Protein backbone atom coordinates (compact mmCIF):
# COMPACT_ATOMS: atom_id res chain seq x y z
CA MET A 1 0.00 0.00 0.00
CA ALA A 2 2.81 2.40 0.88
CA PHE A 3 4.44 1.59 -2.46
CA PHE A 4 1.38 2.82 -4.37
CA THR A 5 1.18 5.93 -2.19
CA ALA A 6 4.81 6.63 -3.11
CA LEU A 7 4.24 5.86 -6.80
CA THR A 8 1.31 8.28 -6.91
CA SER A 9 3.51 10.95 -5.33
CA VAL A 10 6.30 10.41 -7.83
CA GLY A 11 3.74 10.29 -10.65
CA ALA A 12 2.41 13.68 -9.54
CA TRP A 13 5.91 15.14 -9.72
CA ILE A 14 6.15 14.00 -13.33
CA ALA A 15 3.78 16.71 -14.52
CA ILE A 16 3.48 18.90 -17.58
CA PRO A 17 1.66 22.20 -17.01
CA LEU A 18 -0.71 23.31 -19.74
CA PRO A 19 -0.82 27.07 -20.43
CA PHE A 20 -4.60 27.09 -20.86
CA SER A 21 -5.52 24.91 -17.88
CA PRO A 22 -4.93 24.88 -14.11
CA VAL A 23 -4.83 21.07 -14.37
CA PRO A 24 -1.44 19.60 -15.36
CA ILE A 25 -0.81 16.39 -17.24
CA ALA A 26 0.51 13.97 -14.59
CA LEU A 27 1.17 10.26 -14.17
CA ALA A 28 -0.39 10.25 -10.69
CA SER A 29 -3.78 9.20 -12.06
CA LEU A 30 -2.24 6.07 -13.58
CA PHE A 31 -0.87 4.97 -10.22
CA ALA A 32 -4.12 5.81 -8.46
CA LEU A 33 -5.96 3.53 -10.88
CA LEU A 34 -3.34 0.79 -10.60
CA SER A 35 -3.59 0.87 -6.81
CA GLY A 36 -7.22 -0.21 -7.02
CA ALA A 37 -6.56 -2.84 -9.67
CA ILE A 38 -3.64 -4.45 -7.85
CA LEU A 39 -4.40 -3.86 -4.17
CA GLY A 40 -8.17 -4.18 -4.36
CA LYS A 41 -10.90 -1.72 -3.51
CA TRP A 42 -10.15 -1.11 0.17
CA LEU A 43 -6.36 -1.05 0.17
CA GLY A 44 -6.24 0.87 -3.10
CA ALA A 45 -8.58 3.54 -1.73
CA LEU A 46 -6.62 3.60 1.50
CA SER A 47 -3.32 4.14 -0.35
CA GLN A 48 -4.87 7.10 -2.16
CA SER A 49 -6.38 8.45 1.07
CA VAL A 50 -2.90 8.44 2.60
CA TYR A 51 -1.58 10.29 -0.48
CA PHE A 52 -4.39 12.87 -0.21
CA LEU A 53 -3.87 13.35 3.54
CA MET A 54 -0.10 13.67 3.15
CA GLY A 55 -0.62 16.49 0.66
CA LEU A 56 -3.28 18.10 2.84
CA ALA A 57 -0.89 18.01 5.79
CA GLY A 58 1.73 19.94 3.81
CA ILE A 59 4.03 17.21 2.48
CA PRO A 60 4.76 18.23 -1.15
CA VAL A 61 3.35 15.17 -2.90
CA PHE A 62 1.06 16.92 -5.40
CA ALA A 63 1.98 18.08 -8.91
CA ARG A 64 4.79 20.63 -9.15
CA PHE A 65 5.89 19.71 -5.58
CA THR A 66 2.90 21.47 -4.02
CA ALA A 67 0.88 20.67 -0.93
CA GLY A 68 -1.53 22.06 1.61
CA PRO A 69 -5.19 22.91 2.03
CA GLY A 70 -4.96 25.52 -0.74
CA ILE A 71 -4.26 22.81 -3.31
CA VAL A 72 -7.00 20.50 -2.02
CA THR A 73 -9.56 23.31 -2.11
CA GLY A 74 -8.18 24.70 -5.37
CA PRO A 75 -8.99 23.81 -8.99
CA THR A 76 -7.37 20.35 -8.86
CA GLY A 77 -8.88 19.29 -5.51
CA GLY A 78 -11.71 17.34 -7.11
CA TYR A 79 -9.30 15.30 -9.18
CA LEU A 80 -7.20 14.53 -6.10
CA ALA A 81 -10.26 13.39 -4.13
CA GLY A 82 -11.32 11.46 -7.22
CA TYR A 83 -8.20 9.30 -6.90
CA ILE A 84 -9.63 7.77 -3.73
CA ALA A 85 -13.03 6.99 -5.26
CA ALA A 86 -11.44 5.81 -8.50
CA ALA A 87 -9.16 3.34 -6.73
CA PHE A 88 -12.20 1.92 -4.93
CA VAL A 89 -14.25 1.62 -8.13
CA VAL A 90 -11.40 0.02 -10.07
CA GLY A 91 -10.79 -2.51 -7.31
CA LEU A 92 -14.49 -3.29 -7.06
CA LEU A 93 -14.90 -3.86 -10.79
CA VAL A 94 -11.70 -5.89 -11.21
CA GLU A 95 -12.75 -8.09 -8.33
CA TYR A 96 -16.42 -8.58 -9.20
CA ILE A 97 -16.97 -8.02 -12.92
CA PRO A 98 -18.29 -11.30 -14.35
CA VAL A 99 -15.83 -11.58 -17.26
CA ARG A 100 -13.15 -14.25 -17.42
CA GLN A 101 -10.75 -12.35 -19.70
CA LYS A 102 -8.35 -10.59 -17.40
CA ALA A 103 -7.52 -7.85 -19.90
CA VAL A 104 -11.20 -6.94 -20.27
CA ARG A 105 -11.68 -6.80 -16.50
CA PHE A 106 -8.70 -4.50 -16.08
CA ALA A 107 -9.68 -2.32 -19.06
CA VAL A 108 -13.24 -1.87 -17.79
CA GLY A 109 -12.03 -1.13 -14.26
CA LEU A 110 -9.38 1.38 -15.34
CA THR A 111 -11.80 3.11 -17.72
CA ALA A 112 -14.46 3.38 -15.03
CA GLY A 113 -11.89 4.75 -12.61
CA THR A 114 -10.86 7.41 -15.12
CA ILE A 115 -14.52 8.41 -15.51
CA VAL A 116 -14.82 8.69 -11.72
CA ILE A 117 -11.81 11.03 -11.58
CA TYR A 118 -13.40 13.28 -14.21
CA ALA A 119 -16.84 13.05 -12.55
CA MET A 120 -15.33 14.49 -9.38
CA GLY A 121 -12.68 16.75 -10.90
CA VAL A 122 -14.52 18.63 -13.63
CA PRO A 123 -17.49 19.83 -11.52
CA TRP A 124 -15.08 20.90 -8.76
CA LEU A 125 -12.95 22.75 -11.31
CA ALA A 126 -16.05 24.56 -12.58
CA LEU A 127 -17.19 25.42 -9.06
CA VAL A 128 -13.83 26.71 -7.82
CA THR A 129 -12.94 28.71 -10.92
CA GLY A 130 -16.45 30.00 -11.62
CA MET A 131 -16.40 28.75 -15.20
CA SER A 132 -19.31 26.95 -16.81
CA PHE A 133 -19.38 23.16 -16.79
CA PRO A 134 -18.77 22.95 -20.58
CA ALA A 135 -15.81 25.33 -20.23
CA ALA A 136 -14.44 23.21 -17.39
CA MET A 137 -14.69 20.16 -19.65
CA VAL A 138 -12.72 22.02 -22.33
CA VAL A 139 -9.83 22.86 -20.00
CA GLY A 140 -10.10 19.99 -17.49
CA MET A 141 -11.07 16.91 -19.48
CA TYR A 142 -10.93 17.00 -23.30
CA PRO A 143 -7.18 17.70 -23.64
CA PHE A 144 -6.42 14.79 -21.32
CA LEU A 145 -8.50 12.07 -23.01
CA PRO A 146 -5.83 10.86 -25.49
CA GLY A 147 -3.28 10.56 -22.69
CA ASP A 148 -5.79 8.79 -20.48
CA ALA A 149 -6.52 6.28 -23.24
CA LEU A 150 -2.78 5.61 -23.37
CA LYS A 151 -2.63 5.31 -19.56
CA ILE A 152 -5.47 2.78 -19.62
CA MET A 153 -3.74 0.66 -22.26
CA MET A 154 -0.44 0.87 -20.40
CA GLY A 155 -2.26 0.11 -17.14
CA VAL A 156 -3.83 -3.05 -18.55
CA VAL A 157 -0.43 -4.31 -19.68
CA LEU A 158 1.13 -3.49 -16.31
CA CYS A 159 -1.71 -5.13 -14.38
CA LEU A 160 -1.53 -8.32 -16.43
CA SER A 161 2.23 -8.46 -16.00
CA LEU A 162 2.24 -7.67 -12.27
CA VAL A 163 -0.52 -10.09 -11.38
CA ALA A 164 0.91 -12.88 -13.54
CA GLN A 165 4.34 -12.51 -11.96
CA SER A 166 3.16 -12.08 -8.42
CA SER A 167 0.00 -14.14 -7.96
CA HIS A 168 1.91 -16.63 -5.80
CA VAL A 169 3.73 -13.94 -3.82
CA TRP A 170 1.21 -11.18 -3.25
CA ARG A 171 -2.14 -12.02 -1.77
CA THR A 172 -4.10 -9.09 -3.17
CA PRO A 173 -7.74 -9.60 -4.23
CA ALA A 174 -6.81 -9.41 -7.91
CA ALA A 175 -3.96 -11.90 -7.52
CA LYS A 176 -6.12 -14.30 -5.47
CA ASP A 177 -8.91 -14.18 -8.03
CA LEU A 178 -6.56 -14.82 -10.94
CA ALA A 179 -4.85 -17.65 -9.04
CA ARG A 180 -8.26 -19.29 -8.47
CA GLN A 181 -9.02 -18.98 -12.18
CA ALA A 182 -5.69 -20.58 -13.11
CA GLU A 183 -6.35 -23.53 -10.78
CA SER A 184 -9.82 -24.11 -12.25
CA ASP A 185 -8.58 -23.99 -15.88
């Protein structure tokens, strides 16, 4: 769990600011989604809660080495809170979706998690900045969709690789489920 908290922090530091948006392009969302897929709904959400609370407490774990209540209540606060909900949703779907193909389960989970991040981030962005919801989508969602599609594809590959290599070592919900499937095949 601490590993995914750290990965999310490092992913946030790998950020590209956009001149037209208060929301940077960052790898943190990928690690937030992976935390749910690999650790499961509860531990994934907990790892992202720790990340959120560390930043709230003033430890510079957010994009551009920022932290504090001003960031959490600022334009990107909804996205940061969305990491917690997204990790939970991803873990829930990966664990319970009734599809045997592992790649499909991970793809559906990671896609749903990305939608959750936007569902929390874009309205918050609109509220905090005073812009309309469509304008918030233009600066806080549309430019990020191609990169998010790439993150989802990369995430599926990473999940399949991690779980396949570690199903006998880690005892995460995803690894346990895939190990059960392998024994029944």
